[in-house]
N, C-alpha and C. Protein backbone atom coordinates (compact mmCIF):
# COMPACT_ATOMS: atom_id res chain seq x y z
N MET A 1 61.22 8.43 163.97
CA MET A 1 62.13 7.29 163.87
C MET A 1 63.38 7.77 163.13
N GLY A 2 64.54 7.43 163.65
CA GLY A 2 65.80 7.88 163.08
C GLY A 2 66.24 7.06 161.88
N LEU A 3 67.21 7.58 161.17
CA LEU A 3 67.72 6.91 159.97
C LEU A 3 68.36 5.57 160.29
N LEU A 4 69.03 5.46 161.44
CA LEU A 4 69.68 4.19 161.78
C LEU A 4 68.67 3.09 162.05
N ARG A 5 67.46 3.45 162.43
CA ARG A 5 66.42 2.45 162.68
C ARG A 5 65.62 2.15 161.41
N THR A 6 65.91 2.86 160.34
CA THR A 6 65.19 2.65 159.08
C THR A 6 66.20 2.57 157.92
N PRO A 7 67.09 1.57 157.93
CA PRO A 7 68.13 1.51 156.90
C PRO A 7 67.60 1.38 155.47
N VAL A 8 66.49 0.69 155.29
CA VAL A 8 65.91 0.57 153.94
C VAL A 8 65.49 1.95 153.44
N PHE A 9 64.80 2.71 154.29
CA PHE A 9 64.39 4.06 153.93
C PHE A 9 65.60 4.95 153.67
N TRP A 10 66.61 4.86 154.54
CA TRP A 10 67.81 5.71 154.40
C TRP A 10 68.48 5.45 153.05
N ARG A 11 68.67 4.19 152.71
CA ARG A 11 69.32 3.87 151.44
C ARG A 11 68.47 4.32 150.26
N ALA A 12 67.16 4.18 150.35
CA ALA A 12 66.27 4.64 149.28
C ALA A 12 66.34 6.16 149.14
N LEU A 13 66.42 6.86 150.26
CA LEU A 13 66.55 8.31 150.24
C LEU A 13 67.85 8.72 149.56
N MET A 14 68.94 8.07 149.91
CA MET A 14 70.24 8.38 149.29
C MET A 14 70.23 8.05 147.79
N ALA A 15 69.58 6.96 147.41
CA ALA A 15 69.49 6.60 145.99
C ALA A 15 68.69 7.65 145.23
N ALA A 16 67.61 8.15 145.84
CA ALA A 16 66.79 9.18 145.19
C ALA A 16 67.60 10.47 144.98
N TRP A 17 68.39 10.85 145.98
CA TRP A 17 69.21 12.06 145.83
C TRP A 17 70.29 11.87 144.77
N LEU A 18 70.86 10.68 144.69
CA LEU A 18 71.86 10.41 143.66
C LEU A 18 71.21 10.48 142.28
N ASP A 19 70.05 9.88 142.13
CA ASP A 19 69.33 9.95 140.85
C ASP A 19 68.98 11.40 140.50
N HIS A 20 68.55 12.16 141.49
CA HIS A 20 68.21 13.57 141.26
C HIS A 20 69.45 14.37 140.85
N ALA A 21 70.57 14.14 141.50
CA ALA A 21 71.80 14.86 141.17
C ALA A 21 72.22 14.61 139.73
N ARG A 22 71.98 13.40 139.26
CA ARG A 22 72.38 13.05 137.89
C ARG A 22 71.52 13.73 136.83
N THR A 23 70.44 14.35 137.22
CA THR A 23 69.61 15.07 136.25
C THR A 23 70.14 16.49 136.00
N HIS A 24 71.05 16.96 136.83
CA HIS A 24 71.61 18.31 136.66
C HIS A 24 72.53 18.31 135.44
N PRO A 25 72.47 19.35 134.60
CA PRO A 25 73.26 19.36 133.37
C PRO A 25 74.78 19.37 133.60
N ALA A 26 75.23 19.80 134.77
CA ALA A 26 76.67 19.83 135.04
C ALA A 26 77.19 18.51 135.62
N VAL A 27 76.30 17.54 135.81
CA VAL A 27 76.68 16.28 136.44
C VAL A 27 76.69 15.17 135.39
N HIS A 28 77.75 14.36 135.42
CA HIS A 28 77.84 13.22 134.50
C HIS A 28 76.71 12.23 134.82
N PRO A 29 76.03 11.72 133.80
CA PRO A 29 74.87 10.86 134.05
C PRO A 29 75.22 9.47 134.60
N LYS A 30 76.46 9.02 134.48
CA LYS A 30 76.81 7.67 134.91
C LYS A 30 77.89 7.61 135.99
N HIS A 31 78.79 8.57 136.01
CA HIS A 31 79.91 8.53 136.95
C HIS A 31 79.63 9.46 138.13
N ALA A 32 79.91 8.94 139.34
CA ALA A 32 79.65 9.75 140.54
C ALA A 32 80.75 9.51 141.57
N GLY A 33 81.09 10.57 142.24
CA GLY A 33 81.99 10.51 143.38
C GLY A 33 81.40 11.39 144.46
N ALA A 34 81.72 11.11 145.71
CA ALA A 34 81.14 11.89 146.79
C ALA A 34 82.10 11.95 147.97
N ILE A 35 81.99 13.03 148.72
CA ILE A 35 82.73 13.22 149.96
C ILE A 35 81.71 13.52 151.04
N GLY A 36 81.84 12.87 152.18
CA GLY A 36 80.91 13.11 153.27
C GLY A 36 81.64 13.22 154.60
N TYR A 37 81.16 14.10 155.43
CA TYR A 37 81.73 14.31 156.76
C TYR A 37 80.70 13.94 157.82
N CYS A 38 81.09 13.16 158.80
CA CYS A 38 80.26 12.77 159.93
C CYS A 38 79.01 12.02 159.43
N LEU A 39 77.81 12.59 159.58
CA LEU A 39 76.60 11.90 159.12
C LEU A 39 76.66 11.70 157.60
N GLY A 40 77.19 12.67 156.87
CA GLY A 40 77.33 12.52 155.42
C GLY A 40 78.27 11.38 155.06
N GLY A 41 79.33 11.21 155.84
CA GLY A 41 80.25 10.10 155.61
C GLY A 41 79.59 8.76 155.88
N GLN A 42 78.79 8.70 156.92
CA GLN A 42 78.06 7.47 157.21
C GLN A 42 77.02 7.20 156.12
N ALA A 43 76.39 8.25 155.62
CA ALA A 43 75.42 8.08 154.52
C ALA A 43 76.10 7.50 153.29
N LEU A 44 77.31 7.95 153.01
CA LEU A 44 78.04 7.39 151.87
C LEU A 44 78.37 5.92 152.08
N LEU A 45 78.76 5.56 153.30
CA LEU A 45 79.03 4.15 153.59
C LEU A 45 77.77 3.32 153.40
N GLU A 46 76.61 3.87 153.75
CA GLU A 46 75.35 3.16 153.51
C GLU A 46 75.10 3.00 152.02
N GLN A 47 75.46 4.00 151.23
CA GLN A 47 75.29 3.88 149.78
C GLN A 47 76.16 2.76 149.22
N VAL A 48 77.38 2.67 149.70
CA VAL A 48 78.27 1.60 149.24
C VAL A 48 77.72 0.25 149.67
N ARG A 49 77.28 0.15 150.93
CA ARG A 49 76.70 -1.11 151.41
C ARG A 49 75.46 -1.49 150.61
N GLY A 50 74.72 -0.49 150.15
CA GLY A 50 73.52 -0.74 149.37
C GLY A 50 73.77 -1.00 147.90
N GLY A 51 75.02 -0.91 147.47
CA GLY A 51 75.35 -1.19 146.08
C GLY A 51 75.01 -0.07 145.11
N HIS A 52 74.90 1.15 145.61
CA HIS A 52 74.59 2.28 144.73
C HIS A 52 75.74 2.53 143.76
N ASP A 53 75.42 3.06 142.61
CA ASP A 53 76.39 3.24 141.53
C ASP A 53 77.26 4.48 141.77
N ILE A 54 78.24 4.33 142.67
CA ILE A 54 79.19 5.40 142.98
C ILE A 54 80.58 4.85 142.69
N GLN A 55 81.35 5.60 141.90
CA GLN A 55 82.67 5.12 141.51
C GLN A 55 83.76 5.49 142.53
N ALA A 56 83.56 6.55 143.30
CA ALA A 56 84.56 6.96 144.29
C ALA A 56 83.84 7.64 145.44
N MET A 57 84.34 7.40 146.64
CA MET A 57 83.77 8.08 147.80
C MET A 57 84.84 8.21 148.87
N CYS A 58 84.68 9.23 149.70
CA CYS A 58 85.59 9.46 150.81
C CYS A 58 84.75 9.87 152.01
N SER A 59 84.89 9.13 153.09
CA SER A 59 84.14 9.39 154.31
C SER A 59 85.08 9.90 155.39
N PHE A 60 84.79 11.08 155.91
CA PHE A 60 85.55 11.63 157.03
C PHE A 60 84.70 11.49 158.29
N HIS A 61 85.15 10.73 159.24
CA HIS A 61 84.47 10.53 160.52
C HIS A 61 83.09 9.90 160.36
N GLY A 62 82.84 9.21 159.28
CA GLY A 62 81.58 8.49 159.13
C GLY A 62 81.64 7.21 159.96
N LEU A 63 80.60 6.92 160.72
CA LEU A 63 80.60 5.71 161.54
C LEU A 63 80.62 4.48 160.64
N LEU A 64 81.43 3.50 161.01
CA LEU A 64 81.55 2.30 160.19
C LEU A 64 80.39 1.33 160.40
N HIS A 65 79.70 1.44 161.51
CA HIS A 65 78.55 0.57 161.75
C HIS A 65 77.27 1.39 161.56
N SER A 66 76.19 0.70 161.45
CA SER A 66 74.91 1.37 161.22
C SER A 66 73.88 0.98 162.27
N ARG A 67 74.32 0.78 163.49
CA ARG A 67 73.40 0.34 164.53
C ARG A 67 72.97 1.52 165.41
N PRO A 68 71.68 1.64 165.66
CA PRO A 68 71.18 2.74 166.50
C PRO A 68 71.45 2.47 167.98
N GLU A 69 71.16 3.48 168.79
CA GLU A 69 71.27 3.30 170.23
C GLU A 69 70.20 2.34 170.71
N MET A 70 70.52 1.59 171.73
CA MET A 70 69.57 0.65 172.32
C MET A 70 68.63 1.41 173.24
N PRO A 71 67.33 1.38 172.96
CA PRO A 71 66.38 2.09 173.82
C PRO A 71 66.50 1.63 175.28
N GLY A 72 66.55 2.59 176.20
CA GLY A 72 66.60 2.27 177.61
C GLY A 72 67.96 1.92 178.16
N ARG A 73 68.97 1.85 177.31
CA ARG A 73 70.31 1.52 177.80
C ARG A 73 70.87 2.70 178.59
N GLU A 74 71.44 2.41 179.74
CA GLU A 74 71.97 3.46 180.61
C GLU A 74 73.20 4.11 180.01
N GLU A 75 73.46 5.33 180.47
CA GLU A 75 74.67 6.04 180.06
C GLU A 75 75.89 5.19 180.42
N ASP A 76 76.89 5.24 179.57
CA ASP A 76 78.13 4.52 179.82
C ASP A 76 79.25 5.54 179.97
N PRO A 77 80.07 5.45 181.01
CA PRO A 77 81.13 6.44 181.20
C PRO A 77 82.16 6.43 180.07
N ARG A 78 82.21 5.37 179.28
CA ARG A 78 83.16 5.31 178.17
C ARG A 78 82.70 6.10 176.95
N GLY A 79 81.42 6.48 176.91
CA GLY A 79 80.94 7.28 175.80
C GLY A 79 79.68 6.72 175.17
N SER A 80 79.10 7.51 174.26
CA SER A 80 77.81 7.15 173.66
C SER A 80 77.88 5.92 172.76
N PHE A 81 79.06 5.60 172.22
CA PHE A 81 79.18 4.43 171.37
C PHE A 81 78.69 3.18 172.08
N PHE A 82 78.92 3.10 173.39
CA PHE A 82 78.58 1.90 174.15
C PHE A 82 77.10 1.80 174.47
N ARG A 83 76.31 2.81 174.07
CA ARG A 83 74.85 2.72 174.19
C ARG A 83 74.24 2.10 172.92
N ARG A 84 75.04 1.92 171.90
CA ARG A 84 74.53 1.38 170.64
C ARG A 84 74.22 -0.11 170.77
N MET A 85 73.33 -0.56 169.90
CA MET A 85 72.98 -1.98 169.87
C MET A 85 74.19 -2.80 169.44
N THR A 86 74.28 -4.00 169.97
CA THR A 86 75.28 -4.93 169.45
C THR A 86 74.73 -5.48 168.13
N ALA A 87 75.56 -6.16 167.38
CA ALA A 87 75.09 -6.76 166.13
C ALA A 87 73.96 -7.75 166.39
N ALA A 88 74.08 -8.51 167.47
CA ALA A 88 73.03 -9.50 167.80
C ALA A 88 71.72 -8.80 168.18
N GLU A 89 71.80 -7.72 168.95
CA GLU A 89 70.59 -6.97 169.33
C GLU A 89 69.92 -6.36 168.09
N PHE A 90 70.74 -5.84 167.19
CA PHE A 90 70.22 -5.26 165.95
C PHE A 90 69.46 -6.31 165.14
N GLU A 91 70.07 -7.48 164.97
CA GLU A 91 69.44 -8.55 164.20
C GLU A 91 68.17 -9.04 164.87
N ALA A 92 68.13 -9.05 166.20
CA ALA A 92 66.97 -9.56 166.92
C ALA A 92 65.81 -8.56 166.99
N ASP A 93 66.07 -7.29 166.74
CA ASP A 93 65.02 -6.26 166.85
C ASP A 93 64.10 -6.35 165.63
N GLU A 94 62.90 -6.84 165.85
CA GLU A 94 61.95 -7.05 164.75
C GLU A 94 61.31 -5.75 164.26
N THR A 95 61.51 -4.64 164.99
CA THR A 95 60.95 -3.37 164.56
C THR A 95 61.79 -2.71 163.47
N ILE A 96 63.00 -3.23 163.26
CA ILE A 96 63.90 -2.67 162.24
C ILE A 96 63.86 -3.57 161.01
N ILE A 97 63.48 -2.99 159.88
CA ILE A 97 63.50 -3.73 158.61
C ILE A 97 64.93 -3.67 158.11
N LYS A 98 65.58 -4.83 158.02
CA LYS A 98 67.00 -4.90 157.68
C LYS A 98 67.20 -4.65 156.19
N ALA A 99 68.29 -3.96 155.88
CA ALA A 99 68.68 -3.72 154.50
C ALA A 99 69.87 -4.60 154.17
N PRO A 100 69.76 -5.47 153.19
CA PRO A 100 70.89 -6.37 152.89
C PRO A 100 72.06 -5.59 152.29
N ASN A 101 73.27 -6.01 152.64
CA ASN A 101 74.46 -5.42 152.05
C ASN A 101 74.78 -6.14 150.75
N THR A 102 75.26 -5.38 149.79
CA THR A 102 75.61 -6.01 148.51
C THR A 102 77.09 -6.08 148.34
């Protein structure tokens, strides 16, 4: 199961890594900033949506939405973005445990 289909797990994973990073002696225990590219940028956006304690972040090419591809949806000549679930499909999919935004 992919990260987009498990947003609660994804945010918990990112929170655990942030907590772990703060244990390093060269890292400030309260202040954090992060830069992410592509999947890393989307992960940072998920951290912000989850209310994680990050004071600054910069996402390069991170997807602004967090919806996975719709299973069984045909290829679209416009690109892979159009295979993603709509917001309504995402909300209706009971197999995805939703993570509230803060």
